[in-house]
Amino acid sequence: MLTYPNIDPVAFALGPLKVHWYGLMYLIGFAAAWLLGRWRASRPGSGWNAELIDDVIFYGVIGVIAGGRLGYMLFYGFDQILANPLNLLRVWEGGMSFHGGLIGVILAIWLFARKHGMRFFAVGDFIAPLVPIGLLMGRIGNFINGELWGHTTDLPWGMRLPCERFPESCAGLPLDAQWSLPVHASQLYEAGLEGFLLFVILWWFSSRPRPLMAVSGLFLVLYGLFRFSVEFVRLPDAHLGYLAFDWLTMGQLLTLPMLLGGALLLALAYRQRREGRLPT
């Protein structure tokens, strides 16, 4: 059985300014995408250069932050907007939606492609393998923040949480209990699947010429499968609960269009290549 290390969400303070680990994880993710993108752009025949990478990462950062925060507040925390619209700006406290961030990045890619006269999916296919490292770091940020825990479990890797920090996880236990029952560390499951494993697969898949749309489609399908699966052991947001069937969560509902859209892109990519209508 594992024990939560109870990491302080604040990495360090500079006077009244507190720098949170959650924000630092995003910075590391953006920096990794920039470095990996620069490396790929330097390869012969990539069609990219350092200036294009700098520009697309800038667009992507804006899309992730604006879309991720707005998506979270609309999908999961609309009541917080009604209570105080300034809650939209409190990014350092956590609360970023991947699906909102994805919409923001799609819009950013469209704007970038239009500006530089590039095909939308040519940009999407190049960017997709750079994204999972950011997802990995974001989920580590969730873990440090102590959010998005899973159901209780008796598996040997279940994690006990300190009752002082997570009193809601100790509901029903004796008042003097110091630790919760073991729970799934679903943030780490997502870090491993949506972050590390997705990166390895996409990096390998995109290292050889593929039909236009194929890399983007595979990203959507694999992320959708990984996210949909982990949601079965992850607790739904308390104020939303299950949407249907005592198991369908908001995360799963939002992921279904990704699965369908990704499968469609893959099918179109390989069908049109067979018909000779798309370059590889």
Protein backbone atom coordinates (compact mmCIF):
# COMPACT_ATOMS: atom_id res chain seq x y z
CA MET A 1 0.00 0.00 0.00
CA LEU A 2 1.28 3.48 -0.88
CA THR A 3 1.07 6.68 1.16
CA TYR A 4 0.51 10.11 -0.35
CA PRO A 5 3.68 12.19 0.15
CA ASN A 6 1.59 15.30 0.99
CA ILE A 7 3.57 17.71 -1.19
CA ASP A 8 2.97 21.41 -0.61
CA PRO A 9 1.19 22.77 -3.74
CA VAL A 10 3.30 25.93 -3.42
CA ALA A 11 6.77 25.32 -4.87
CA PHE A 12 8.26 28.51 -3.45
CA ALA A 13 7.27 32.05 -2.49
CA LEU A 14 8.81 35.37 -3.49
CA GLY A 15 7.41 37.71 -0.87
CA PRO A 16 3.62 37.78 -1.38
CA LEU A 17 3.94 35.96 -4.72
CA LYS A 18 3.40 32.20 -4.44
CA VAL A 19 4.62 30.00 -7.28
CA HIS A 20 2.56 26.81 -7.48
CA TRP A 21 3.79 23.46 -8.75
CA TYR A 22 0.70 23.25 -10.96
CA GLY A 23 1.81 26.30 -12.93
CA LEU A 24 5.39 25.08 -13.09
CA MET A 25 4.21 21.77 -14.58
CA TYR A 26 2.55 23.66 -17.40
CA LEU A 27 5.72 25.66 -18.02
CA ILE A 28 7.74 22.44 -18.20
CA GLY A 29 5.21 20.95 -20.62
CA PHE A 30 5.34 23.99 -22.90
CA ALA A 31 9.15 24.03 -22.78
CA ALA A 32 9.30 20.33 -23.65
CA ALA A 33 6.97 20.83 -26.62
CA TRP A 34 9.11 23.73 -27.82
CA LEU A 35 12.37 21.75 -27.54
CA LEU A 36 10.93 18.63 -29.18
CA GLY A 37 9.38 20.74 -31.93
CA ARG A 38 12.69 22.50 -32.58
CA TRP A 39 14.46 19.15 -32.80
CA ARG A 40 11.96 17.77 -35.29
CA ALA A 41 12.03 20.98 -37.30
CA SER A 42 15.81 20.66 -37.68
CA ARG A 43 15.50 17.34 -39.47
CA PRO A 44 15.93 17.42 -43.28
CA GLY A 45 12.67 17.77 -45.18
CA SER A 46 10.57 18.62 -42.15
CA GLY A 47 9.13 21.72 -43.78
CA TRP A 48 9.47 23.58 -40.50
CA ASN A 49 12.02 25.98 -39.06
CA ALA A 50 12.79 27.46 -35.65
CA GLU A 51 10.72 30.59 -36.26
CA LEU A 52 7.63 28.56 -37.16
CA ILE A 53 8.05 26.46 -34.02
CA ASP A 54 8.31 29.55 -31.84
CA ASP A 55 5.16 30.95 -33.41
CA VAL A 56 3.07 27.78 -33.22
CA ILE A 57 4.05 27.15 -29.59
CA PHE A 58 2.99 30.71 -28.74
CA TYR A 59 -0.38 30.13 -30.39
CA GLY A 60 -0.67 26.78 -28.63
CA VAL A 61 0.09 28.21 -25.19
CA ILE A 62 -2.68 30.79 -25.59
CA GLY A 63 -5.08 28.10 -26.83
CA VAL A 64 -4.30 25.70 -23.98
CA ILE A 65 -4.60 28.25 -21.18
CA ALA A 66 -7.61 30.17 -22.48
CA GLY A 67 -9.47 27.12 -23.78
CA GLY A 68 -8.54 24.87 -20.87
CA ARG A 69 -9.67 27.31 -18.21
CA LEU A 70 -12.81 28.44 -20.00
CA GLY A 71 -13.72 24.85 -20.82
CA TYR A 72 -13.30 23.74 -17.22
CA MET A 73 -15.47 26.55 -15.90
CA LEU A 74 -18.19 25.89 -18.49
CA PHE A 75 -18.17 22.08 -18.28
CA TYR A 76 -17.43 21.57 -14.58
CA GLY A 77 -17.65 24.85 -12.67
CA PHE A 78 -20.33 27.07 -14.19
CA ASP A 79 -21.68 27.75 -10.70
CA GLN A 80 -18.29 29.29 -9.81
CA ILE A 81 -18.56 31.73 -12.71
CA LEU A 82 -22.00 32.76 -11.52
CA ALA A 83 -20.69 33.20 -7.98
CA ASN A 84 -17.69 35.26 -9.07
CA PRO A 85 -16.63 35.79 -12.71
CA LEU A 86 -13.06 36.45 -11.53
CA ASN A 87 -12.80 32.71 -10.72
CA LEU A 88 -12.02 32.32 -14.41
CA LEU A 89 -8.58 33.79 -13.73
CA ARG A 90 -7.60 31.60 -10.76
CA VAL A 91 -5.66 29.12 -12.91
CA TRP A 92 -3.00 28.51 -10.23
CA GLU A 93 -5.57 26.70 -8.08
CA GLY A 94 -6.06 23.99 -10.71
CA GLY A 95 -9.14 23.48 -12.80
CA MET A 96 -8.13 23.07 -16.44
CA SER A 97 -10.20 21.02 -18.86
CA PHE A 98 -8.38 19.00 -21.48
CA HIS A 99 -11.38 19.13 -23.78
CA GLY A 100 -11.59 22.91 -23.47
CA GLY A 101 -7.85 23.13 -24.06
CA LEU A 102 -8.22 20.93 -27.14
CA ILE A 103 -10.83 23.27 -28.59
CA GLY A 104 -8.51 26.19 -27.86
CA VAL A 105 -5.58 24.46 -29.56
CA ILE A 106 -7.69 23.55 -32.60
CA LEU A 107 -8.63 27.20 -32.98
CA ALA A 108 -4.98 28.20 -32.47
CA ILE A 109 -3.83 25.74 -35.17
CA TRP A 110 -6.44 27.11 -37.58
CA LEU A 111 -5.28 30.68 -36.99
CA PHE A 112 -1.60 29.69 -37.30
CA ALA A 113 -2.18 27.67 -40.48
CA ARG A 114 -4.15 30.52 -42.02
CA LYS A 115 -1.43 33.04 -41.15
CA HIS A 116 1.36 30.96 -42.71
CA GLY A 117 -0.57 29.48 -45.63
CA MET A 118 -0.22 25.90 -44.34
CA ARG A 119 -2.68 23.02 -44.35
CA PHE A 120 -4.58 22.67 -41.08
CA PHE A 121 -3.87 18.96 -40.66
CA ALA A 122 -0.23 19.34 -41.67
CA VAL A 123 0.13 21.57 -38.61
CA GLY A 124 -2.03 19.29 -36.46
CA ASP A 125 -0.01 16.20 -37.40
CA PHE A 126 3.23 17.96 -36.50
CA ILE A 127 1.93 19.29 -33.18
CA ALA A 128 0.10 16.16 -31.94
CA PRO A 129 3.23 14.22 -30.81
CA LEU A 130 4.40 17.26 -28.82
CA VAL A 131 1.24 17.41 -26.69
CA PRO A 132 1.46 14.30 -24.44
CA ILE A 133 4.45 15.56 -22.42
CA GLY A 134 2.31 18.53 -21.44
CA LEU A 135 -0.51 16.16 -20.46
CA LEU A 136 1.95 14.15 -18.36
CA MET A 137 3.13 17.23 -16.50
CA GLY A 138 -0.41 18.50 -16.02
CA ARG A 139 -1.48 15.24 -14.37
CA ILE A 140 1.54 15.38 -12.08
CA GLY A 141 0.33 18.86 -11.17
CA ASN A 142 -3.09 17.38 -10.37
CA PHE A 143 -1.40 14.82 -8.12
CA ILE A 144 0.56 17.48 -6.23
CA ASN A 145 -2.61 19.56 -5.86
CA GLY A 146 -4.36 16.50 -4.44
CA GLU A 147 -7.25 16.52 -6.91
CA LEU A 148 -8.98 13.99 -9.19
CA TRP A 149 -8.66 10.97 -6.89
CA GLY A 150 -10.24 7.63 -7.74
CA HIS A 151 -12.48 5.17 -5.95
CA THR A 152 -11.32 3.13 -2.96
CA THR A 153 -9.38 -0.01 -3.83
CA ASP A 154 -7.73 -2.99 -2.18
CA LEU A 155 -5.07 -3.27 -4.90
CA PRO A 156 -1.47 -3.12 -3.62
CA TRP A 157 -0.82 0.24 -5.33
CA GLY A 158 -3.80 1.93 -3.68
CA MET A 159 -2.83 5.21 -2.01
CA ARG A 160 -3.77 6.35 1.50
CA LEU A 161 -4.44 10.07 1.94
CA PRO A 162 -3.88 12.13 5.10
CA CYS A 163 -7.25 12.95 6.70
CA GLU A 164 -6.02 16.37 7.80
CA ARG A 165 -5.62 17.49 4.18
CA PHE A 166 -8.39 15.39 2.60
CA PRO A 167 -11.18 15.19 5.20
CA GLU A 168 -13.74 14.32 2.53
CA SER A 169 -11.80 11.11 1.80
CA CYS A 170 -12.08 10.08 5.45
CA ALA A 171 -15.85 10.50 5.77
CA GLY A 172 -17.31 7.56 7.67
CA LEU A 173 -14.01 6.67 9.35
CA PRO A 174 -13.42 7.12 13.10
CA LEU A 175 -12.89 10.77 14.08
CA ASP A 176 -9.32 10.08 15.16
CA ALA A 177 -8.39 8.40 11.85
CA GLN A 178 -5.21 9.80 10.34
CA TRP A 179 -5.38 8.12 6.94
CA SER A 180 -8.13 7.39 4.42
CA LEU A 181 -8.87 4.02 2.92
CA PRO A 182 -6.62 3.35 -0.10
CA VAL A 183 -7.82 4.97 -3.32
CA HIS A 184 -6.80 4.85 -6.96
CA ALA A 185 -4.26 7.56 -7.79
CA SER A 186 -6.12 8.15 -11.05
CA GLN A 187 -4.03 11.24 -11.86
CA LEU A 188 -0.94 9.01 -12.09
CA TYR A 189 -2.81 6.48 -14.22
CA GLU A 190 -3.63 9.30 -16.63
CA ALA A 191 -0.06 10.61 -16.48
CA GLY A 192 1.21 7.18 -17.51
CA LEU A 193 -1.36 6.54 -20.24
CA GLU A 194 -2.31 9.95 -21.67
CA GLY A 195 1.18 11.29 -21.06
CA PHE A 196 4.05 8.84 -21.29
CA LEU A 197 2.52 5.97 -23.31
CA LEU A 198 0.70 8.28 -25.72
CA PHE A 199 3.93 10.20 -26.29
CA VAL A 200 5.91 7.03 -27.03
CA ILE A 201 3.33 5.72 -29.51
CA LEU A 202 2.80 9.03 -31.32
CA TRP A 203 6.51 9.85 -31.46
CA TRP A 204 7.22 6.46 -33.02
CA PHE A 205 4.21 6.61 -35.37
CA SER A 206 5.03 10.11 -36.60
CA SER A 207 8.74 9.38 -37.11
CA ARG A 208 7.91 7.92 -40.54
CA PRO A 209 5.81 9.48 -43.34
CA ARG A 210 2.11 8.97 -42.69
CA PRO A 211 -1.00 10.04 -44.61
CA LEU A 212 -2.27 13.53 -43.85
CA MET A 213 -4.64 13.43 -40.83
CA ALA A 214 -3.37 10.04 -39.60
CA VAL A 215 -1.26 11.35 -36.71
CA SER A 216 -4.02 13.71 -35.57
CA GLY A 217 -6.56 10.90 -35.81
CA LEU A 218 -4.42 8.48 -33.81
CA PHE A 219 -3.91 11.11 -31.11
CA LEU A 220 -7.66 11.59 -30.73
CA VAL A 221 -8.39 7.84 -30.68
CA LEU A 222 -5.70 6.89 -28.17
CA TYR A 223 -6.33 9.81 -25.84
CA GLY A 224 -10.03 9.02 -25.98
CA LEU A 225 -9.49 5.35 -25.16
CA PHE A 226 -7.10 6.08 -22.29
CA ARG A 227 -9.27 8.82 -20.77
CA PHE A 228 -12.52 6.86 -21.16
CA SER A 229 -10.95 3.84 -19.43
CA VAL A 230 -9.46 5.71 -16.46
CA GLU A 231 -12.79 7.44 -15.82
CA PHE A 232 -14.15 4.08 -14.60
CA VAL A 233 -11.89 4.24 -11.52
CA ARG A 234 -11.82 8.04 -11.15
CA LEU A 235 -14.40 9.71 -8.94
CA PRO A 236 -16.72 12.06 -10.85
CA ASP A 237 -16.89 15.71 -9.84
CA ALA A 238 -18.95 15.80 -6.66
CA HIS A 239 -21.33 18.51 -7.89
CA LEU A 240 -21.98 16.61 -11.16
CA GLY A 241 -21.90 12.95 -10.15
CA TYR A 242 -22.64 10.35 -12.80
CA LEU A 243 -24.63 11.59 -15.76
CA ALA A 244 -26.26 8.24 -16.62
CA PHE A 245 -26.19 4.49 -15.95
CA ASP A 246 -24.37 5.03 -12.61
CA TRP A 247 -21.04 5.11 -14.48
CA LEU A 248 -21.09 7.68 -17.31
CA THR A 249 -19.07 10.76 -16.34
CA MET A 250 -18.75 14.18 -17.93
CA GLY A 251 -15.20 13.27 -18.97
CA GLN A 252 -16.44 10.20 -20.83
CA LEU A 253 -19.25 12.12 -22.49
CA LEU A 254 -16.84 14.79 -23.74
CA THR A 255 -14.40 12.11 -24.90
CA LEU A 256 -16.86 10.23 -27.12
CA PRO A 257 -16.73 12.83 -29.96
CA MET A 258 -12.92 12.58 -29.85
CA LEU A 259 -13.05 8.83 -30.34
CA LEU A 260 -15.49 9.08 -33.23
CA GLY A 261 -13.70 12.01 -34.83
CA GLY A 262 -10.29 10.35 -34.52
CA ALA A 263 -11.54 7.09 -36.03
CA LEU A 264 -13.06 9.05 -38.92
CA LEU A 265 -9.81 10.92 -39.56
CA LEU A 266 -7.81 7.67 -39.60
CA ALA A 267 -10.29 6.03 -41.97
CA LEU A 268 -10.26 9.03 -44.32
CA ALA A 269 -6.48 9.33 -44.23
CA TYR A 270 -5.79 5.76 -45.27
CA ARG A 271 -8.68 5.50 -47.72
CA GLN A 272 -7.63 8.65 -49.55
CA ARG A 273 -4.02 7.54 -49.64
CA ARG A 274 -5.08 4.25 -51.22
CA GLU A 275 -7.04 6.24 -53.78
CA GLY A 276 -4.05 8.49 -54.39
CA ARG A 277 -5.86 11.66 -53.33
CA LEU A 278 -3.62 12.61 -50.41
CA PRO A 279 0.15 12.93 -50.22
CA THR A 280 1.98 10.99 -47.51
